[in-house]
N, C-alpha and C. Protein backbone atom coordinates (compact mmCIF):
# COMPACT_ATOMS: atom_id res chain seq x y z
N MET A 1 0.80 -1.27 0.07
CA MET A 1 0.13 -0.14 -0.02
C MET A 1 0.99 1.37 0.08
N LYS A 2 1.71 1.33 0.47
CA LYS A 2 3.04 2.35 0.58
C LYS A 2 3.42 2.67 -0.65
N LYS A 3 3.62 1.55 -1.35
CA LYS A 3 4.56 1.71 -2.50
C LYS A 3 3.48 2.56 -3.31
N TYR A 4 2.20 2.12 -3.47
CA TYR A 4 1.07 2.86 -4.37
C TYR A 4 0.91 4.33 -4.05
N LEU A 5 1.04 4.23 -2.67
CA LEU A 5 0.88 5.96 -2.27
C LEU A 5 2.03 6.79 -2.42
N ILE A 6 3.21 6.31 -2.57
CA ILE A 6 4.39 6.98 -2.83
C ILE A 6 4.57 7.10 -4.62
N SER A 7 4.07 6.40 -5.15
CA SER A 7 4.15 6.44 -6.74
C SER A 7 2.74 7.23 -7.02
N PHE A 8 1.54 7.35 -6.23
CA PHE A 8 0.61 8.29 -6.56
C PHE A 8 1.30 9.60 -6.26
N VAL A 9 1.62 9.94 -5.07
CA VAL A 9 2.29 11.39 -5.07
C VAL A 9 3.37 11.70 -6.03
N PHE A 10 4.44 10.71 -6.38
CA PHE A 10 5.11 11.21 -7.36
C PHE A 10 4.63 11.46 -8.80
N THR A 11 3.53 10.69 -9.10
CA THR A 11 2.89 11.30 -10.34
C THR A 11 1.82 12.41 -10.11
N LEU A 12 1.47 12.62 -8.91
CA LEU A 12 0.89 14.16 -8.99
C LEU A 12 1.91 15.12 -8.93
N ILE A 13 3.26 14.88 -8.49
CA ILE A 13 4.19 15.65 -8.53
C ILE A 13 4.83 16.26 -9.94
N GLY A 14 4.65 14.83 -10.72
CA GLY A 14 5.15 15.26 -12.05
C GLY A 14 4.14 15.65 -12.84
N VAL A 15 3.09 15.47 -12.76
CA VAL A 15 1.75 16.39 -13.46
C VAL A 15 1.96 17.82 -13.15
N ALA A 16 2.03 18.09 -12.02
CA ALA A 16 2.10 19.45 -11.48
C ALA A 16 3.32 20.35 -12.25
N PHE A 17 4.65 19.50 -12.19
CA PHE A 17 5.69 20.34 -12.84
C PHE A 17 5.52 20.45 -14.45
N VAL A 18 4.91 19.28 -15.00
CA VAL A 18 4.37 19.62 -16.16
C VAL A 18 3.57 20.39 -16.79
N ASN A 19 2.62 20.95 -15.87
CA ASN A 19 1.41 21.81 -16.17
C ASN A 19 2.14 23.26 -15.87
N ALA A 20 3.20 23.21 -14.85
CA ALA A 20 3.85 24.20 -14.65
C ALA A 20 4.98 24.93 -15.65
N GLN A 21 5.39 23.95 -16.46
CA GLN A 21 6.23 23.98 -17.42
C GLN A 21 5.25 24.88 -18.74
N LYS A 22 3.96 24.16 -18.93
CA LYS A 22 3.20 24.75 -19.82
C LYS A 22 2.72 26.07 -19.57
N THR A 23 2.49 26.50 -18.24
CA THR A 23 2.08 27.96 -18.07
C THR A 23 3.09 28.95 -18.49
N LEU A 24 4.56 28.36 -18.20
CA LEU A 24 5.44 29.39 -18.18
C LEU A 24 5.72 29.63 -20.06
N GLY A 25 5.27 28.76 -20.78
CA GLY A 25 5.46 28.97 -22.41
C GLY A 25 6.76 29.08 -22.75
N TYR A 26 7.68 28.71 -21.92
CA TYR A 26 9.19 29.23 -22.25
C TYR A 26 9.53 28.11 -23.32
N ILE A 27 10.08 28.76 -24.12
CA ILE A 27 10.53 27.44 -25.99
C ILE A 27 12.08 28.03 -25.56
N PRO A 28 12.79 26.81 -25.34
CA PRO A 28 14.56 26.79 -25.48
C PRO A 28 14.62 27.17 -26.40
N LEU A 29 16.08 27.97 -26.68
CA LEU A 29 16.57 28.17 -27.98
C LEU A 29 16.94 26.92 -28.89
N ALA A 30 17.19 25.53 -28.37
CA ALA A 30 17.34 24.51 -29.52
C ALA A 30 15.85 24.41 -29.90
N ASN A 31 14.56 24.63 -29.06
CA ASN A 31 13.40 24.11 -29.82
C ASN A 31 13.04 25.58 -30.76
N SER A 32 13.85 26.56 -30.98
CA SER A 32 13.46 27.64 -31.60
C SER A 32 14.88 27.63 -33.00
N ASN A 33 15.06 26.43 -33.46
CA ASN A 33 15.98 26.19 -34.42
C ASN A 33 17.09 26.80 -34.27
N ASN A 34 17.61 27.23 -32.87
CA ASN A 34 18.86 27.82 -32.67
C ASN A 34 18.71 29.31 -33.36
N ASP A 35 17.76 29.91 -33.75
CA ASP A 35 17.79 31.27 -34.07
C ASP A 35 17.64 32.18 -33.14
N PRO A 36 18.30 32.85 -32.67
CA PRO A 36 18.14 33.89 -31.35
C PRO A 36 17.18 34.78 -31.86
N ALA A 37 16.77 35.43 -33.05
CA ALA A 37 15.85 36.34 -33.28
C ALA A 37 14.19 35.51 -33.07
N GLN A 38 14.05 34.17 -33.43
CA GLN A 38 13.04 33.68 -32.85
C GLN A 38 12.86 33.46 -31.58
N TYR A 39 13.82 33.03 -31.02
CA TYR A 39 14.09 32.58 -29.45
C TYR A 39 13.69 33.98 -28.48
N LEU A 40 14.08 35.26 -29.13
CA LEU A 40 13.50 36.36 -28.43
C LEU A 40 12.47 36.67 -28.47
N ILE A 41 11.57 36.47 -29.79
CA ILE A 41 10.38 36.81 -30.17
C ILE A 41 9.69 36.06 -29.56
N ASN A 42 9.67 34.62 -29.33
CA ASN A 42 8.69 33.79 -28.72
C ASN A 42 9.02 33.87 -27.16
N ASN A 43 9.89 34.00 -26.36
CA ASN A 43 10.12 34.18 -25.05
C ASN A 43 10.16 35.17 -24.48
N PHE A 44 10.18 36.49 -25.10
CA PHE A 44 10.27 37.93 -24.59
C PHE A 44 9.46 38.61 -25.09
N GLU A 45 9.43 38.90 -26.51
CA GLU A 45 8.16 39.92 -27.34
C GLU A 45 6.80 39.02 -27.02
N ASN A 46 6.60 38.01 -27.52
CA ASN A 46 5.28 37.06 -27.25
C ASN A 46 4.86 36.97 -25.89
N GLN A 47 5.54 37.02 -25.06
CA GLN A 47 5.31 36.85 -23.24
C GLN A 47 5.95 37.95 -22.75
N LYS A 48 5.84 39.03 -23.06
CA LYS A 48 6.13 40.06 -22.40
C LYS A 48 5.24 40.53 -21.16
N ALA A 49 4.18 40.30 -20.93
CA ALA A 49 3.18 40.51 -20.02
C ALA A 49 3.56 39.62 -18.74
N LYS A 50 4.20 38.68 -18.97
CA LYS A 50 4.49 37.89 -17.59
C LYS A 50 5.92 38.99 -17.07
N TYR A 51 6.44 39.64 -17.82
CA TYR A 51 7.77 40.03 -17.01
C TYR A 51 7.25 41.48 -16.57
N ILE A 52 6.26 41.97 -16.76
CA ILE A 52 5.91 43.60 -16.42
C ILE A 52 5.76 43.24 -15.08
N GLY A 53 6.54 44.48 -14.21
CA GLY A 53 6.10 44.55 -12.70
C GLY A 53 7.55 43.47 -12.14
N GLN A 54 7.88 42.76 -12.86
CA GLN A 54 9.04 41.85 -12.24
C GLN A 54 10.47 42.42 -12.52
N PRO A 55 11.25 42.15 -11.53
CA PRO A 55 12.78 42.42 -11.73
C PRO A 55 13.38 42.25 -12.94
N ILE A 56 14.34 43.04 -13.41
CA ILE A 56 15.22 42.51 -14.49
C ILE A 56 15.79 41.15 -14.53
N SER A 57 16.04 41.01 -13.15
CA SER A 57 16.81 39.69 -12.94
C SER A 57 15.55 38.15 -13.62
N LYS A 58 14.71 38.55 -13.44
CA LYS A 58 13.61 37.26 -14.12
C LYS A 58 14.00 37.20 -15.49
N ILE A 59 14.23 38.42 -16.23
CA ILE A 59 14.56 38.08 -17.77
C ILE A 59 15.86 37.65 -17.85
N LEU A 60 16.76 38.06 -16.89
CA LEU A 60 18.47 37.48 -17.36
C LEU A 60 18.42 36.36 -16.69
N ASN A 61 17.53 35.49 -16.14
CA ASN A 61 17.68 34.41 -15.19
C ASN A 61 17.05 33.31 -16.49
N ASN A 62 16.33 33.92 -17.28
CA ASN A 62 15.53 32.98 -18.55
C ASN A 62 16.23 32.94 -19.51
N LEU A 63 17.24 33.60 -19.85
CA LEU A 63 17.82 33.95 -20.95
C LEU A 63 18.89 33.02 -21.26
N GLU A 64 18.81 32.38 -22.46
CA GLU A 64 20.09 31.21 -22.72
C GLU A 64 21.12 32.05 -23.66
N LEU A 65 20.95 33.17 -24.16
CA LEU A 65 21.99 33.73 -24.96
C LEU A 65 22.94 34.41 -24.48
N LYS A 66 24.22 34.08 -24.77
CA LYS A 66 24.98 35.08 -24.28
C LYS A 66 25.09 36.61 -24.61
N ILE A 67 25.39 37.26 -23.10
CA ILE A 67 25.12 38.61 -23.62
C ILE A 67 26.25 39.21 -24.42
N LEU A 68 26.20 39.77 -25.50
CA LEU A 68 27.66 40.47 -25.97
C LEU A 68 28.15 41.73 -25.22
N SER A 69 26.94 42.59 -25.19
CA SER A 69 27.40 44.23 -24.70
C SER A 69 25.95 44.65 -24.31
N HIS A 70 26.04 45.74 -23.40
CA HIS A 70 24.82 46.14 -22.88
C HIS A 70 24.89 47.48 -22.35
N SER A 71 24.20 48.26 -22.42
CA SER A 71 23.95 49.73 -22.01
C SER A 71 22.80 50.29 -21.32
N PRO A 72 23.01 51.32 -20.38
CA PRO A 72 21.54 51.90 -20.06
C PRO A 72 21.12 52.84 -20.84
N LEU A 73 19.63 52.73 -20.58
CA LEU A 73 18.98 53.60 -21.54
C LEU A 73 18.14 54.43 -20.95
N ASN A 74 18.80 55.70 -20.47
CA ASN A 74 18.07 56.66 -20.22
C ASN A 74 18.14 57.92 -21.06
N ARG A 75 17.46 58.13 -21.88
CA ARG A 75 16.99 59.46 -22.64
C ARG A 75 15.79 59.62 -23.15
N VAL A 76 15.80 60.85 -23.76
CA VAL A 76 14.31 61.46 -24.17
C VAL A 76 14.33 61.45 -25.65
N PRO A 77 13.50 60.87 -26.33
CA PRO A 77 13.09 60.88 -27.56
C PRO A 77 12.97 62.41 -28.27
N SER A 78 13.53 62.12 -29.33
CA SER A 78 13.65 63.57 -30.15
C SER A 78 12.41 64.19 -30.26
N GLY A 79 12.55 65.55 -30.09
CA GLY A 79 11.17 66.21 -30.55
C GLY A 79 10.23 66.21 -29.16
N MET A 80 10.56 65.87 -28.24
CA MET A 80 9.89 65.90 -27.02
C MET A 80 10.12 67.09 -26.20
N THR A 81 9.49 67.78 -25.73
CA THR A 81 9.80 69.16 -24.82
C THR A 81 8.81 69.14 -23.80
N GLY A 82 8.96 70.33 -23.08
CA GLY A 82 8.18 70.76 -21.92
C GLY A 82 7.48 69.60 -21.28
N LYS A 83 6.33 69.57 -21.04
CA LYS A 83 5.40 68.61 -20.63
C LYS A 83 5.18 67.40 -21.16
N ASP A 84 5.26 67.37 -22.44
CA ASP A 84 5.61 65.99 -23.15
C ASP A 84 6.74 65.35 -22.53
N LYS A 85 7.61 66.11 -22.55
CA LYS A 85 9.51 65.38 -22.06
C LYS A 85 9.09 64.14 -21.30
N ARG A 86 9.38 62.92 -21.72
CA ARG A 86 9.38 61.68 -21.14
C ARG A 86 10.82 60.80 -21.10
N TYR A 87 11.26 60.20 -20.41
CA TYR A 87 12.29 59.63 -20.54
C TYR A 87 11.86 57.98 -21.23
N ILE A 88 12.71 57.46 -22.02
CA ILE A 88 12.79 56.04 -22.25
C ILE A 88 13.96 55.33 -21.34
N VAL A 89 13.46 54.84 -20.41
CA VAL A 89 14.43 54.27 -19.50
C VAL A 89 14.41 52.70 -19.65
N GLY A 90 15.62 52.05 -19.15
CA GLY A 90 15.75 50.55 -19.33
C GLY A 90 17.26 50.23 -19.77
N VAL A 91 17.48 48.86 -20.21
CA VAL A 91 18.68 48.50 -20.65
C VAL A 91 18.54 48.01 -22.12
N TYR A 92 19.50 48.13 -22.98
CA TYR A 92 20.00 47.86 -23.95
C TYR A 92 20.92 46.51 -24.15
N LEU A 93 20.46 45.40 -24.49
CA LEU A 93 21.52 44.38 -24.47
C LEU A 93 21.48 43.80 -26.25
N ARG A 94 22.65 43.63 -26.17
CA ARG A 94 22.82 42.80 -27.67
C ARG A 94 23.32 41.39 -27.35
N PHE A 95 23.19 40.59 -28.20
CA PHE A 95 23.54 39.27 -28.57
C PHE A 95 23.99 38.78 -29.96
N TYR A 96 24.44 37.59 -29.78
CA TYR A 96 24.92 36.93 -31.17
C TYR A 96 24.71 35.62 -31.01
N ASN A 97 24.69 34.64 -31.63
CA ASN A 97 24.33 33.44 -31.97
C ASN A 97 25.69 32.55 -31.60
N THR A 98 25.34 31.90 -30.62
CA THR A 98 26.44 31.43 -29.94
C THR A 98 27.24 30.25 -30.82
N ASP A 99 26.37 29.58 -31.33
CA ASP A 99 26.83 28.07 -32.09
C ASP A 99 27.79 28.76 -33.42
N GLU A 100 27.04 29.96 -33.80
CA GLU A 100 27.69 30.35 -35.24
C GLU A 100 29.03 31.57 -34.85
N PHE A 101 29.09 31.96 -33.53
CA PHE A 101 30.38 32.75 -33.12
C PHE A 101 31.32 31.62 -32.91
N ILE A 102 30.98 30.58 -32.21
CA ILE A 102 32.16 29.28 -32.12
C ILE A 102 33.02 28.84 -33.36
N ARG A 103 32.19 29.11 -34.57
CA ARG A 103 32.38 28.09 -35.84
C ARG A 103 33.43 29.34 -36.50
N LYS A 104 33.01 30.70 -36.27
CA LYS A 104 33.58 31.63 -37.02
C LYS A 104 35.23 32.00 -36.54
N THR A 105 35.94 32.38 -37.65
CA THR A 105 37.18 32.71 -37.36
C THR A 105 36.82 34.32 -36.86
N ASP A 106 38.20 34.88 -36.13
CA ASP A 106 38.03 36.18 -35.78
C ASP A 106 37.31 37.47 -36.91
N ALA A 107 38.15 37.36 -38.07
CA ALA A 107 37.89 38.00 -39.22
C ALA A 107 36.39 38.04 -39.52
N GLU A 108 35.81 36.82 -39.56
CA GLU A 108 34.48 36.36 -39.93
C GLU A 108 33.41 37.07 -38.81
N ARG A 109 33.51 36.96 -37.30
CA ARG A 109 33.08 37.31 -36.38
C ARG A 109 32.64 38.63 -36.56
N LYS A 110 33.43 39.42 -37.04
CA LYS A 110 33.23 40.97 -37.45
C LYS A 110 32.02 41.27 -38.15
N GLN A 111 31.52 40.20 -38.99
CA GLN A 111 30.48 40.45 -40.32
C GLN A 111 29.48 39.76 -39.78
N MET A 112 29.26 39.06 -38.46
CA MET A 112 28.21 38.53 -37.95
C MET A 112 27.08 39.21 -37.78
N LYS A 113 25.83 38.73 -37.91
CA LYS A 113 24.81 39.47 -37.37
C LYS A 113 24.53 39.38 -35.95
N PHE A 114 24.27 40.67 -35.23
CA PHE A 114 24.13 40.54 -33.98
C PHE A 114 22.56 40.60 -33.69
N TYR A 115 22.08 40.52 -32.56
CA TYR A 115 20.60 40.61 -32.06
C TYR A 115 20.57 41.55 -30.66
N SER A 116 19.19 42.03 -31.06
CA SER A 116 19.51 42.97 -29.64
C SER A 116 18.05 42.95 -29.27
N PHE A 117 17.63 43.62 -27.81
CA PHE A 117 16.59 44.07 -27.22
C PHE A 117 16.50 45.05 -26.19
N THR A 118 15.41 45.69 -26.06
CA THR A 118 15.66 46.67 -25.05
C THR A 118 14.44 46.17 -24.04
N ILE A 119 15.10 46.16 -22.49
CA ILE A 119 14.10 45.87 -21.46
C ILE A 119 13.81 47.32 -20.90
N ARG A 120 12.44 47.88 -21.11
CA ARG A 120 12.22 48.99 -20.36
C ARG A 120 11.66 48.93 -19.11
N THR A 121 12.27 49.88 -18.30
CA THR A 121 11.84 50.03 -16.91
C THR A 121 10.76 51.03 -16.45
N LYS A 122 10.58 51.06 -15.50
CA LYS A 122 9.65 52.09 -15.05
C LYS A 122 10.22 53.43 -14.36
N ASP A 123 11.24 53.43 -13.90
CA ASP A 123 11.88 54.37 -13.61
C ASP A 123 13.49 54.77 -14.09
N LEU A 124 13.83 55.56 -13.89
CA LEU A 124 15.24 55.78 -14.54
C LEU A 124 16.41 54.94 -13.61
N LEU A 125 17.26 54.21 -14.26
CA LEU A 125 18.17 53.36 -13.47
C LEU A 125 19.34 54.32 -12.99
N LEU A 126 19.41 54.31 -11.74
CA LEU A 126 20.64 55.08 -11.26
C LEU A 126 21.90 54.62 -11.29
N ARG A 127 22.98 55.35 -10.99
CA ARG A 127 24.16 54.58 -11.29
C ARG A 127 24.48 53.16 -10.74
N GLU A 128 23.96 53.50 -9.26
CA GLU A 128 24.41 52.01 -8.79
C GLU A 128 23.34 51.02 -8.99
N GLU A 129 22.14 50.94 -9.52
CA GLU A 129 21.27 50.16 -9.77
C GLU A 129 21.87 49.68 -11.33
N TYR A 130 22.37 50.37 -11.82
CA TYR A 130 22.64 49.90 -13.26
C TYR A 130 24.09 49.04 -12.80
N GLU A 131 25.01 49.70 -12.06
CA GLU A 131 26.20 48.63 -11.79
C GLU A 131 26.10 47.39 -11.26
N ALA A 132 24.74 47.30 -10.58
CA ALA A 132 24.86 46.16 -10.07
C ALA A 132 23.98 44.96 -11.35
N LEU A 133 23.08 46.02 -11.99
CA LEU A 133 22.94 44.78 -13.23
C LEU A 133 24.12 44.44 -13.70
N TYR A 134 24.86 45.44 -14.07
CA TYR A 134 26.10 45.10 -14.92
C TYR A 134 26.87 43.92 -14.32
N LEU A 135 27.16 44.05 -13.09
CA LEU A 135 27.69 42.79 -12.21
C LEU A 135 26.67 41.47 -12.60
N LYS A 136 25.51 41.76 -12.31
CA LYS A 136 24.72 40.48 -12.59
C LYS A 136 24.73 39.79 -14.36
N ILE A 137 24.83 40.68 -15.13
CA ILE A 137 25.10 40.23 -16.44
C ILE A 137 26.43 39.54 -16.57
N LEU A 138 27.58 40.11 -16.31
CA LEU A 138 28.86 39.55 -16.30
C LEU A 138 28.94 38.37 -15.58
């Protein structure tokens, strides 16, 4: 009887885990044909609602791509003045296709296509906040 009860509990845990994975909707890079653009669209652009109000670390923890470079994004769009003046704030990230990068020579790497996206934040990133993010990214 104990064996049946234990296997029943493990079955329930397995079913709960599978359902949790389905609700997350995460599609691994390998399932996106190793295409960074498709991977970013599937997991971040199409599912951006689940990241709204969350810390940036949630995105970084889910990211399979190697970050090539990053920079803070604290700027005012051109043409905005006075009361209309609003900042676009966040972090700009650039990526490359890791598999492709490994196969290329240094000269070929300079010609590679890079991928990028911007994580917009609610508030301006203070220097300390960006430095903490910078350390987390590295």
